[in-house]
Amino acid sequence: MTALDSSPTVEVGPVLDATIGAGDGALVRVPAGGRLRIVDLFGNQAADTLLYDAADIDNRYSAFDTIREQGAVFLTTGSRLLSTRLDELAVITDDTVGRHDTIGGACAQESNVVRYGEHVRHQHACRQTFLAYGAAAGIGQRELGHNINFFMNVPVTSAGGLQFDDGLSAPGKYVELTASRDILVLLSNCPQLNNPCNGWDPTPLQLQGWWS
């Protein structure tokens, strides 16, 4: 599904309330000051997410700059999500999980083959979802970058390596972003079956939005 602009005159609840099926995605336009909540309905489900300046999709989320400026590799309440131009795109203003990954990347058919073998090449991957839903905003392969993996647990070892572990989330846990400017949020509800990032069983997510 694709959820775009919605501007009611009276806020009586979420102006956006949608369920994103396992392996599906969404493109959501969030105006400055708007709040977008991503809910892990069943627990242990990775939400691969990219952010873009709605006025210029080349001004997109930068994991490198976000990590450097905050001096931490994980994201949580208070994390400022910065763009490639060091503009603040959004801030994590509520988080009931505790930490989220932004270095593990998104699954692609090619990387799945490298990691797990030729037999998984046919499996759907987040990169395909990003391209399918991003097309409506002109987002193609050149506009994809390092993403956020909300609810995903990717510890960094003492040697600087990464490992994909069981998630820290649970049913009903959520993370909430407040947009610092008009942004596009491109989300893939990760379909990965080959590591524990989704508990080996991808499940739906819920998106809720509040803005006027």
Protein backbone atom coordinates (compact mmCIF):
# COMPACT_ATOMS: atom_id res chain seq x y z
CA MET A 1 0.00 0.00 0.00
CA THR A 2 1.03 3.62 -0.47
CA ALA A 3 0.00 6.31 1.99
CA LEU A 4 0.55 9.92 0.97
CA ASP A 5 -0.82 13.34 1.97
CA SER A 6 -3.67 13.65 4.46
CA SER A 7 -4.66 17.00 6.03
CA PRO A 8 -7.84 17.03 8.16
CA THR A 9 -8.84 20.26 9.87
CA VAL A 10 -9.52 18.65 13.25
CA GLU A 11 -7.24 16.04 14.80
CA VAL A 12 -9.42 13.38 16.44
CA GLY A 13 -6.92 10.54 16.18
CA PRO A 14 -4.31 9.31 13.76
CA VAL A 15 -4.74 10.71 10.26
CA LEU A 16 -2.88 7.65 9.07
CA ASP A 17 -3.57 4.18 10.45
CA ALA A 18 -2.43 1.38 8.15
CA THR A 19 -1.21 -2.18 8.43
CA ILE A 20 1.79 -3.11 6.28
CA GLY A 21 1.88 -6.81 5.48
CA ALA A 22 5.02 -8.90 5.76
CA GLY A 23 7.20 -8.18 2.74
CA ASP A 24 5.13 -5.15 1.70
CA GLY A 25 6.04 -1.48 1.96
CA ALA A 26 4.83 2.10 2.04
CA LEU A 27 5.74 5.62 0.99
CA VAL A 28 4.48 8.22 3.46
CA ARG A 29 4.72 12.00 3.21
CA VAL A 30 5.03 13.51 6.69
CA PRO A 31 4.80 17.30 7.02
CA ALA A 32 7.10 19.29 9.29
CA GLY A 33 6.05 18.73 12.89
CA GLY A 34 4.09 15.60 12.03
CA ARG A 35 4.58 12.40 14.02
CA LEU A 36 4.88 8.97 12.45
CA ARG A 37 4.73 5.89 14.66
CA ILE A 38 5.91 2.46 13.49
CA VAL A 39 4.43 -0.35 15.59
CA ASP A 40 5.89 -3.86 15.79
CA LEU A 41 2.57 -5.69 16.05
CA PHE A 42 3.84 -9.20 16.75
CA GLY A 43 7.42 -8.52 17.87
CA ASN A 44 10.85 -9.11 16.35
CA GLN A 45 10.01 -7.61 12.94
CA ALA A 46 12.54 -5.39 11.14
CA ALA A 47 11.26 -2.19 9.53
CA ASP A 48 13.82 -1.06 6.93
CA THR A 49 13.40 2.69 6.51
CA LEU A 50 14.76 5.51 4.34
CA LEU A 51 14.09 9.24 4.79
CA TYR A 52 14.14 11.97 2.14
CA ASP A 53 13.67 15.73 2.09
CA ALA A 54 10.28 15.99 0.35
CA ALA A 55 11.49 19.06 -1.55
CA ASP A 56 14.67 17.38 -2.81
CA ILE A 57 15.07 13.60 -2.75
CA ASP A 58 18.83 13.97 -3.28
CA ASN A 59 18.92 15.32 0.29
CA ARG A 60 18.43 11.92 1.89
CA TYR A 61 19.17 10.15 5.15
CA SER A 62 22.83 9.56 5.90
CA ALA A 63 23.70 6.82 8.38
CA PHE A 64 27.35 7.92 8.29
CA ASP A 65 26.63 11.52 9.27
CA THR A 66 23.98 10.56 11.82
CA ILE A 67 26.35 8.14 13.59
CA ARG A 68 29.28 10.57 13.52
CA GLU A 69 27.35 13.55 14.83
CA GLN A 70 25.69 11.66 17.70
CA GLY A 71 28.79 9.62 18.54
CA ALA A 72 26.86 6.35 18.76
CA VAL A 73 26.13 3.50 16.35
CA PHE A 74 22.60 2.79 17.59
CA LEU A 75 19.50 4.98 17.34
CA THR A 76 17.03 5.70 20.12
CA THR A 77 14.99 8.51 21.70
CA GLY A 78 16.64 11.83 20.95
CA SER A 79 18.58 10.65 17.91
CA ARG A 80 18.64 13.30 15.18
CA LEU A 81 18.30 11.69 11.76
CA LEU A 82 20.55 13.73 9.49
CA SER A 83 20.80 14.04 5.74
CA THR A 84 23.80 13.93 3.44
CA ARG A 85 23.86 17.76 3.75
CA LEU A 86 23.69 17.58 7.56
CA ASP A 87 20.10 18.81 7.58
CA GLU A 88 17.91 17.39 10.32
CA LEU A 89 15.19 15.33 8.64
CA ALA A 90 13.51 13.98 11.78
CA VAL A 91 14.07 13.18 15.43
CA ILE A 92 13.20 9.98 17.27
CA THR A 93 10.89 11.39 19.94
CA ASP A 94 9.51 8.17 21.43
CA ASP A 95 10.94 4.66 21.55
CA THR A 96 9.70 1.74 23.64
CA VAL A 97 12.37 -0.67 22.35
CA GLY A 98 15.60 1.03 23.39
CA ARG A 99 17.86 0.88 20.37
CA HIS A 100 17.71 0.42 16.60
CA ASP A 101 20.26 -0.46 13.92
CA THR A 102 21.47 1.77 11.09
CA ILE A 103 24.59 -0.11 9.91
CA GLY A 104 23.28 -3.56 8.99
CA GLY A 105 21.84 -2.42 5.67
CA ALA A 106 18.84 -3.71 3.74
CA CYS A 107 18.57 -7.14 2.21
CA ALA A 108 18.89 -7.50 -1.56
CA GLN A 109 18.70 -10.56 -3.76
CA GLU A 110 22.39 -10.20 -4.59
CA SER A 111 23.56 -9.95 -0.97
CA ASN A 112 21.26 -12.81 0.00
CA VAL A 113 23.05 -15.02 -2.53
CA VAL A 114 26.46 -14.01 -1.18
CA ARG A 115 25.45 -14.69 2.42
CA TYR A 116 23.14 -17.67 2.11
CA GLY A 117 23.68 -19.31 -1.28
CA GLU A 118 22.31 -19.39 -4.81
CA HIS A 119 19.16 -21.22 -3.71
CA VAL A 120 17.73 -18.01 -2.12
CA ARG A 121 18.08 -15.80 -5.22
CA HIS A 122 14.35 -15.97 -5.95
CA GLN A 123 13.37 -14.62 -2.52
CA HIS A 124 11.87 -11.14 -2.28
CA ALA A 125 14.10 -8.51 -0.63
CA CYS A 126 13.84 -5.00 0.84
CA ARG A 127 15.68 -3.38 -2.05
CA GLN A 128 12.91 -4.48 -4.43
CA THR A 129 10.29 -3.03 -2.10
CA PHE A 130 12.16 0.29 -1.87
CA LEU A 131 12.28 0.58 -5.66
CA ALA A 132 8.63 -0.41 -6.12
CA TYR A 133 7.25 2.13 -3.64
CA GLY A 134 9.86 4.81 -4.19
CA ALA A 135 9.09 5.06 -7.91
CA ALA A 136 6.06 7.28 -7.20
CA ALA A 137 8.43 9.95 -5.84
CA GLY A 138 11.16 9.47 -8.45
CA ILE A 139 13.30 7.37 -6.10
CA GLY A 140 15.38 4.91 -8.09
CA GLN A 141 18.54 2.92 -7.53
CA ARG A 142 20.75 6.03 -7.42
CA GLU A 143 18.64 7.49 -4.60
CA LEU A 144 18.90 4.44 -2.33
CA GLY A 145 21.42 4.69 0.48
CA HIS A 146 22.15 3.31 3.92
CA ASN A 147 18.92 2.73 5.78
CA ILE A 148 17.60 2.48 9.31
CA ASN A 149 16.52 -0.94 10.58
CA PHE A 150 13.95 -0.17 13.23
CA PHE A 151 13.47 -3.05 15.73
CA MET A 152 16.53 -4.88 14.37
CA ASN A 153 19.33 -6.03 16.67
CA VAL A 154 22.79 -5.89 15.05
CA PRO A 155 25.44 -5.91 17.81
CA VAL A 156 28.92 -4.65 16.98
CA THR A 157 31.60 -7.06 18.17
CA SER A 158 34.81 -6.02 19.95
CA ALA A 159 36.65 -6.66 16.67
CA GLY A 160 34.34 -4.27 14.81
CA GLY A 161 32.26 -6.95 13.11
CA LEU A 162 28.49 -7.21 12.85
CA GLN A 163 26.14 -10.03 13.68
CA PHE A 164 22.39 -10.42 13.20
CA ASP A 165 20.83 -11.45 16.52
CA ASP A 166 17.33 -12.02 17.84
CA GLY A 167 15.46 -8.75 18.11
CA LEU A 168 14.96 -6.72 21.28
CA SER A 169 11.39 -5.79 20.40
CA ALA A 170 8.10 -7.37 21.49
CA PRO A 171 4.44 -7.22 20.43
CA GLY A 172 3.15 -3.64 20.53
CA LYS A 173 6.55 -1.97 20.88
CA TYR A 174 6.97 1.13 18.74
CA VAL A 175 9.23 3.93 17.62
CA GLU A 176 7.98 7.42 16.80
CA LEU A 177 9.55 10.04 14.54
CA THR A 178 8.80 13.76 14.48
CA ALA A 179 9.54 15.38 11.14
CA SER A 180 11.84 18.41 11.26
CA ARG A 181 10.82 19.39 7.72
CA ASP A 182 8.49 17.93 5.09
CA ILE A 183 9.86 14.43 4.52
CA LEU A 184 9.17 11.23 2.63
CA VAL A 185 9.44 8.02 4.63
CA LEU A 186 10.07 4.96 2.48
CA LEU A 187 9.53 1.73 4.38
CA SER A 188 10.04 -1.95 3.62
CA ASN A 189 8.55 -4.46 6.03
CA CYS A 190 11.50 -6.82 5.76
CA PRO A 191 10.79 -10.24 4.18
CA GLN A 192 14.11 -11.80 5.26
CA LEU A 193 13.81 -15.52 6.07
CA ASN A 194 17.49 -16.45 6.39
CA ASN A 195 18.57 -14.80 9.64
CA PRO A 196 16.82 -14.04 12.95
CA CYS A 197 16.14 -10.33 12.25
CA ASN A 198 12.43 -11.21 11.81
CA GLY A 199 12.39 -14.20 14.14
CA TRP A 200 12.49 -16.40 11.01
CA ASP A 201 8.83 -15.46 10.43
CA PRO A 202 8.06 -11.99 8.93
CA THR A 203 4.90 -10.38 10.35
CA PRO A 204 2.86 -7.17 9.75
CA LEU A 205 3.70 -3.69 11.00
CA GLN A 206 1.35 -0.80 11.78
CA LEU A 207 1.88 2.81 10.72
CA GLN A 208 0.14 5.61 12.59
CA GLY A 209 0.50 9.31 11.82
CA TRP A 210 -0.57 12.52 13.51
CA TRP A 211 -0.43 15.83 11.67
CA SER A 212 -2.74 18.55 10.42
